Amino acid sequence: MDGNGRWASRQGLPRAAGHEAGARAVHRVVTAAVRHDIGQLTLYAFSSDNWRRPLTEVRALFRIFERTLRAETATCVSHGVRLSVIGRRDRLPGRLRTAIAGAEAATAAGRRLHLRIAIDYSSRAAIGTGDLLPDVDLLVRTGGERRLSDFLMWECAYAELLFLDQMWPDFDARSLDQALTAYENRERRFGGLPGELAG
C-alpha cells in the first residue's frame, strides 16, 4: 500500500490526509476481494523500517489504524472476513493493541476471506523465527517502486509480481480487476516447461 504520502503532497495536502485516503482504499479493495472470492489478502501497512519516519506521522498512522479497525470490524463480520495482524506488537501503542485484539476476536469465525494487515512487519524477522505464511500467488506494489522492501520474501518465491505507478489511495475495484486479469494472463510454470502443469 505505497504512495499515500506522495499522493497527498501532490494535492497540497498533509501526509496524514494521504493515509486517511489509503484507509478508504483498503475498504474498497477488501470489498472487491470478497466479491472475487479471493481467499487470502495481505496488506503491508507499516514496515519495521517505517519507524524511521517522523514521530508525528507515525502517531497519525497508528491513530488511523486504530480508528479504522474499530470502524470496520462489524463490516468484516458481516462479509465473512477474518482479520489478522502480522508483525511485532510490543512496540505498538496500547490502544492499538487493544483494537487489534478486539477485531481479531470478533472476526475469528470469518471463512470467506482471510485479511492480514502487516504492522511493524519485517519479512527477515519472520523468516528468522519461522513465522511464515502461505505462498503468495500475486504481489501488487503501488507507488512506482520496483522492489519487495522486506515484505513476504519467503512466501513470494514463485509469486507473480506486478509493479504499478498508481498510488495506493487511487487503487480501487477496477484496479484490482486489472491486476487479476494481468495475473490470469501470466504462465506459471514453477520451474517446469510451458504446458506441463496443464497436463
Protein backbone atom coordinates (compact mmCIF):
# COMPACT_ATOMS: atom_id res chain seq x y z
CA MET A 1 0.00 0.00 0.00
CA ASP A 2 2.60 2.51 -1.17
CA GLY A 3 2.25 6.13 -2.17
CA ASN A 4 -0.10 7.65 0.42
CA GLY A 5 2.23 10.48 1.40
CA ARG A 6 3.23 11.33 -2.16
CA TRP A 7 -0.42 11.26 -3.21
CA ALA A 8 -1.21 13.84 -0.54
CA SER A 9 1.79 16.02 -1.31
CA ARG A 10 0.87 16.20 -4.99
CA GLN A 11 -2.50 17.58 -3.97
CA GLY A 12 -1.10 20.06 -1.48
CA LEU A 13 -2.42 18.09 1.48
CA PRO A 14 -0.66 16.93 4.66
CA ARG A 15 0.73 13.40 4.54
CA ALA A 16 -1.84 12.27 7.12
CA ALA A 17 -4.57 13.04 4.59
CA GLY A 18 -2.92 10.56 2.25
CA HIS A 19 -3.01 7.88 4.91
CA GLU A 20 -6.70 8.61 5.52
CA ALA A 21 -7.32 8.20 1.79
CA GLY A 22 -5.28 4.99 1.91
CA ALA A 23 -7.58 3.62 4.60
CA ARG A 24 -10.57 4.28 2.35
CA ALA A 25 -8.79 2.40 -0.43
CA VAL A 26 -8.43 -0.59 1.91
CA HIS A 27 -12.20 -0.67 2.35
CA ARG A 28 -12.75 -0.62 -1.43
CA VAL A 29 -10.19 -3.31 -2.14
CA VAL A 30 -11.33 -5.66 0.63
CA THR A 31 -14.93 -5.34 -0.56
CA ALA A 32 -13.84 -6.14 -4.12
CA ALA A 33 -11.69 -9.06 -2.94
CA VAL A 34 -14.72 -10.61 -1.25
CA ARG A 35 -16.69 -10.30 -4.49
CA HIS A 36 -13.89 -12.06 -6.36
CA ASP A 37 -13.80 -14.88 -3.80
CA ILE A 38 -10.13 -14.22 -3.07
CA GLY A 39 -9.34 -16.45 -0.14
CA GLN A 40 -6.38 -14.56 1.29
CA LEU A 41 -5.22 -10.95 1.09
CA THR A 42 -2.26 -9.43 2.90
CA LEU A 43 -1.75 -5.66 3.02
CA TYR A 44 1.53 -4.02 4.04
CA ALA A 45 0.53 -1.12 6.26
CA PHE A 46 3.67 -0.34 8.29
CA SER A 47 7.10 -1.92 7.98
CA SER A 48 9.62 -2.23 10.78
CA ASP A 49 11.73 0.27 8.85
CA ASN A 50 8.91 2.83 8.91
CA TRP A 51 9.87 3.72 12.49
CA ARG A 52 12.45 5.98 10.82
CA ARG A 53 9.68 8.33 9.76
CA PRO A 54 8.85 11.46 11.75
CA LEU A 55 7.15 10.66 15.05
CA THR A 56 4.17 12.87 14.20
CA GLU A 57 3.49 10.82 11.07
CA VAL A 58 3.90 7.51 12.89
CA ARG A 59 1.48 8.59 15.59
CA ALA A 60 -1.03 9.75 12.96
CA LEU A 61 -0.74 6.39 11.22
CA PHE A 62 -1.40 4.49 14.42
CA ARG A 63 -4.46 6.62 15.16
CA ILE A 64 -5.79 5.88 11.69
CA PHE A 65 -5.08 2.16 12.13
CA GLU A 66 -6.92 2.09 15.44
CA ARG A 67 -9.92 4.07 14.22
CA THR A 68 -10.21 2.02 11.02
CA LEU A 69 -10.01 -1.30 12.86
CA ARG A 70 -12.80 -0.27 15.21
CA ALA A 71 -14.95 1.15 12.41
CA GLU A 72 -14.56 -1.77 10.00
CA THR A 73 -14.87 -4.73 12.36
CA ALA A 74 -18.65 -5.04 12.01
CA THR A 75 -18.36 -4.88 8.22
CA CYS A 76 -15.73 -7.62 8.27
CA VAL A 77 -18.00 -9.82 10.37
CA SER A 78 -20.98 -9.30 8.06
CA HIS A 79 -18.89 -10.17 4.98
CA GLY A 80 -17.23 -13.24 6.48
CA VAL A 81 -13.80 -11.62 6.65
CA ARG A 82 -11.34 -12.89 9.22
CA LEU A 83 -8.84 -10.20 10.21
CA SER A 84 -5.34 -10.96 11.47
CA VAL A 85 -2.47 -8.57 12.15
CA ILE A 86 1.05 -9.83 11.49
CA GLY A 87 4.27 -8.29 12.77
CA ARG A 88 5.53 -7.16 16.15
CA ARG A 89 3.05 -5.81 18.67
CA ASP A 90 5.26 -4.98 21.62
CA ARG A 91 6.19 -1.59 20.15
CA LEU A 92 2.64 -0.57 19.26
CA PRO A 93 0.55 1.79 21.41
CA GLY A 94 -1.68 0.08 23.95
CA ARG A 95 -4.90 1.39 22.41
CA LEU A 96 -3.92 -0.01 19.03
CA ARG A 97 -3.04 -3.39 20.52
CA THR A 98 -6.46 -3.46 22.19
CA ALA A 99 -8.19 -2.60 18.91
CA ILE A 100 -6.26 -5.34 17.11
CA ALA A 101 -7.17 -7.95 19.70
CA GLY A 102 -10.82 -6.94 19.59
CA ALA A 103 -11.01 -7.05 15.79
CA GLU A 104 -9.26 -10.41 15.62
CA ALA A 105 -11.57 -11.94 18.23
CA ALA A 106 -14.72 -10.54 16.64
CA THR A 107 -13.84 -11.76 13.14
CA ALA A 108 -12.29 -15.12 14.06
CA ALA A 109 -15.18 -17.10 12.55
CA GLY A 110 -14.85 -15.45 9.13
CA ARG A 111 -14.31 -18.00 6.36
CA ARG A 112 -14.79 -16.07 3.14
CA LEU A 113 -11.58 -14.01 3.16
CA HIS A 114 -8.58 -14.08 5.47
CA LEU A 115 -7.36 -10.49 5.56
CA ARG A 116 -3.92 -9.94 7.05
CA ILE A 117 -2.63 -6.49 7.87
CA ALA A 118 1.14 -6.23 8.31
CA ILE A 119 2.05 -3.70 11.02
CA ASP A 120 5.62 -3.33 12.32
CA TYR A 121 6.37 -6.22 9.99
CA SER A 122 9.72 -7.47 8.70
CA SER A 123 9.98 -10.47 6.42
CA ARG A 124 13.57 -11.06 7.52
CA ALA A 125 12.45 -11.26 11.13
CA ALA A 126 9.57 -13.59 10.23
CA ILE A 127 11.92 -15.92 8.34
CA GLY A 128 14.28 -15.94 11.32
CA THR A 129 11.54 -17.01 13.70
CA GLY A 130 9.78 -19.36 11.26
CA ASP A 131 6.62 -17.26 11.40
CA LEU A 132 5.73 -17.90 7.76
CA LEU A 133 2.50 -17.57 5.80
CA PRO A 134 1.04 -19.47 2.82
CA ASP A 135 2.69 -18.93 -0.56
CA VAL A 136 1.76 -15.75 -2.42
CA ASP A 137 0.29 -16.05 -5.93
CA LEU A 138 0.27 -12.37 -6.85
CA LEU A 139 2.10 -9.44 -5.29
CA VAL A 140 0.96 -5.95 -6.30
CA ARG A 141 3.03 -2.95 -5.31
CA THR A 142 1.66 0.53 -5.92
CA GLY A 143 3.54 3.82 -5.85
CA GLY A 144 6.09 3.25 -8.58
CA GLU A 145 8.74 1.35 -6.61
CA ARG A 146 10.17 -1.87 -8.04
CA ARG A 147 11.25 -3.87 -5.00
CA LEU A 148 9.80 -6.09 -2.25
CA SER A 149 11.00 -3.92 0.66
CA ASP A 150 11.17 -6.76 3.19
CA PHE A 151 7.61 -7.97 2.53
CA LEU A 152 6.77 -11.70 2.41
CA MET A 153 10.09 -12.51 0.74
CA TRP A 154 9.94 -16.23 1.53
CA GLU A 155 6.30 -16.53 0.56
CA CYS A 156 6.89 -14.69 -2.74
CA ALA A 157 9.38 -17.27 -4.05
CA TYR A 158 7.09 -18.04 -7.02
CA ALA A 159 4.74 -15.07 -6.84
CA GLU A 160 3.82 -13.11 -9.93
CA LEU A 161 4.99 -9.53 -9.37
CA LEU A 162 3.05 -6.50 -10.58
CA PHE A 163 4.52 -3.05 -10.02
CA LEU A 164 2.23 -0.08 -10.61
CA ASP A 165 2.91 3.66 -10.80
CA GLN A 166 -0.59 4.21 -9.40
CA MET A 167 -0.61 5.49 -5.83
CA TRP A 168 -2.43 3.38 -3.25
CA PRO A 169 -5.20 5.93 -2.50
CA ASP A 170 -6.22 5.69 -6.16
CA PHE A 171 -6.34 1.88 -6.13
CA ASP A 172 -9.92 0.64 -6.39
CA ALA A 173 -12.09 -2.26 -7.52
CA ARG A 174 -11.25 -1.60 -11.18
CA SER A 175 -7.54 -1.62 -10.34
CA LEU A 176 -7.95 -4.98 -8.64
CA ASP A 177 -9.83 -6.32 -11.66
CA GLN A 178 -6.94 -5.25 -13.91
CA ALA A 179 -4.37 -6.80 -11.58
CA LEU A 180 -6.26 -10.10 -11.56
CA THR A 181 -6.54 -10.05 -15.35
CA ALA A 182 -2.79 -9.48 -15.63
CA TYR A 183 -2.21 -12.41 -13.29
CA GLU A 184 -4.52 -14.69 -15.27
CA ASN A 185 -2.54 -13.90 -18.42
CA ARG A 186 0.77 -14.99 -16.88
CA GLU A 187 2.04 -18.52 -17.43
CA ARG A 188 3.01 -20.10 -14.13
CA ARG A 189 5.49 -22.94 -14.59
CA PHE A 190 7.19 -23.26 -11.16
CA GLY A 191 10.44 -24.27 -12.82
CA GLY A 192 8.82 -26.63 -15.33
CA LEU A 193 8.36 -26.33 -19.07
CA PRO A 194 5.47 -24.49 -20.76
CA GLY A 195 2.26 -26.50 -20.69
CA GLU A 196 3.49 -29.07 -18.17
CA LEU A 197 1.10 -28.06 -15.40
CA ALA A 198 -1.91 -28.33 -17.65
CA GLY A 199 -1.21 -31.99 -18.42
